[in-house]
Amino acid sequence: MIDFIGNVKSGGVAEQIQIKTNKTLKRFCRENNLSYSSILNGYYSKKAKNTFKKVGIKVA
């Protein structure tokens, strides 16, 4: 069982990031130079989508 940090929705981007990279969404965004607030609001830039694809994260 994985212990999630913070309030993470089941099946969401933050949960997928924590499972695949063992990092929080905020840390993942900081390390990959992505906009944390945009991702929280559901906006995924091309750069974010490409980064997620490389890691294996599915985005709607």
C-alpha atoms as a PDB file:
ATOM      1  CA  MET A   1       0.000   0.000   0.000  1.00  0.00           C
ATOM      2  CA  ILE A   2       1.327   3.395  -0.984  1.00  0.00           C
ATOM      3  CA  ASP A   3       0.928   6.270   1.457  1.00  0.00           C
ATOM      4  CA  PHE A   4      -0.109   9.363  -0.464  1.00  0.00           C
ATOM      5  CA  ILE A   5       0.972  12.804   0.622  1.00  0.00           C
ATOM      6  CA  GLY A   6      -1.880  15.316   0.861  1.00  0.00           C
ATOM      7  CA  ASN A   7      -5.348  15.070  -0.599  1.00  0.00           C
ATOM      8  CA  VAL A   8      -5.003  13.065  -3.822  1.00  0.00           C
ATOM      9  CA  LYS A   9      -7.953  11.982  -5.992  1.00  0.00           C
ATOM     10  CA  SER A  10      -8.039   8.354  -7.029  1.00  0.00           C
ATOM     11  CA  GLY A  11      -6.924   7.989 -10.648  1.00  0.00           C
ATOM     12  CA  GLY A  12      -5.889  11.631 -10.965  1.00  0.00           C
ATOM     13  CA  VAL A  13      -2.667  13.066 -12.315  1.00  0.00           C
ATOM     14  CA  ALA A  14      -1.214  13.641  -8.834  1.00  0.00           C
ATOM     15  CA  GLU A  15      -1.837  10.008  -7.858  1.00  0.00           C
ATOM     16  CA  GLN A  16      -0.250   8.726 -11.078  1.00  0.00           C
ATOM     17  CA  ILE A  17       2.807  10.917 -10.500  1.00  0.00           C
ATOM     18  CA  GLN A  18       3.181   9.671  -6.933  1.00  0.00           C
ATOM     19  CA  ILE A  19       2.922   6.047  -8.035  1.00  0.00           C
ATOM     20  CA  LYS A  20       5.303   6.291 -11.015  1.00  0.00           C
ATOM     21  CA  THR A  21       7.904   8.749  -9.675  1.00  0.00           C
ATOM     22  CA  ASN A  22       7.398   8.622  -5.901  1.00  0.00           C
ATOM     23  CA  LYS A  23       7.237  12.453  -5.866  1.00  0.00           C
ATOM     24  CA  THR A  24       4.483  14.932  -5.090  1.00  0.00           C
ATOM     25  CA  LEU A  25       2.849  16.875  -7.907  1.00  0.00           C
ATOM     26  CA  LYS A  26       4.421  20.100  -6.644  1.00  0.00           C
ATOM     27  CA  ARG A  27       7.934  18.620  -6.579  1.00  0.00           C
ATOM     28  CA  PHE A  28       7.463  16.970  -9.991  1.00  0.00           C
ATOM     29  CA  CYS A  29       6.407  20.315 -11.488  1.00  0.00           C
ATOM     30  CA  ARG A  30       9.334  22.156  -9.896  1.00  0.00           C
ATOM     31  CA  GLU A  31      11.874  19.603 -11.161  1.00  0.00           C
ATOM     32  CA  ASN A  32      10.441  19.550 -14.691  1.00  0.00           C
ATOM     33  CA  ASN A  33       9.851  23.309 -14.890  1.00  0.00           C
ATOM     34  CA  LEU A  34       6.048  22.979 -15.255  1.00  0.00           C
ATOM     35  CA  SER A  35       3.323  25.283 -13.967  1.00  0.00           C
ATOM     36  CA  TYR A  36       1.888  23.726 -10.819  1.00  0.00           C
ATOM     37  CA  SER A  37      -1.118  26.067 -10.646  1.00  0.00           C
ATOM     38  CA  SER A  38      -2.092  25.414 -14.278  1.00  0.00           C
ATOM     39  CA  ILE A  39      -1.994  21.654 -13.761  1.00  0.00           C
ATOM     40  CA  LEU A  40      -4.103  22.008 -10.604  1.00  0.00           C
ATOM     41  CA  ASN A  41      -6.704  23.921 -12.630  1.00  0.00           C
ATOM     42  CA  GLY A  42      -6.764  21.216 -15.325  1.00  0.00           C
ATOM     43  CA  TYR A  43      -4.759  23.007 -18.006  1.00  0.00           C
ATOM     44  CA  TYR A  44      -1.958  20.915 -19.492  1.00  0.00           C
ATOM     45  CA  SER A  45       0.506  22.687 -21.795  1.00  0.00           C
ATOM     46  CA  LYS A  46       2.255  20.863 -24.634  1.00  0.00           C
ATOM     47  CA  LYS A  47       5.389  20.708 -22.506  1.00  0.00           C
ATOM     48  CA  ALA A  48       3.441  19.180 -19.606  1.00  0.00           C
ATOM     49  CA  LYS A  49       1.753  16.617 -21.866  1.00  0.00           C
ATOM     50  CA  ASN A  50       5.103  15.598 -23.367  1.00  0.00           C
ATOM     51  CA  THR A  51       6.648  15.272 -19.899  1.00  0.00           C
ATOM     52  CA  PHE A  52       3.715  13.167 -18.682  1.00  0.00           C
ATOM     53  CA  LYS A  53       3.945  10.965 -21.789  1.00  0.00           C
ATOM     54  CA  LYS A  54       7.657  10.278 -21.133  1.00  0.00           C
ATOM     55  CA  VAL A  55       6.880   9.187 -17.577  1.00  0.00           C
ATOM     56  CA  GLY A  56       3.835   7.144 -18.622  1.00  0.00           C
ATOM     57  CA  ILE A  57       1.086   9.275 -17.100  1.00  0.00           C
ATOM     58  CA  LYS A  58      -2.286   9.363 -18.864  1.00  0.00           C
ATOM     59  CA  VAL A  59      -3.973  12.767 -19.118  1.00  0.00           C
ATOM     60  CA  ALA A  60      -7.555  13.283 -20.251  1.00  0.00           C
END
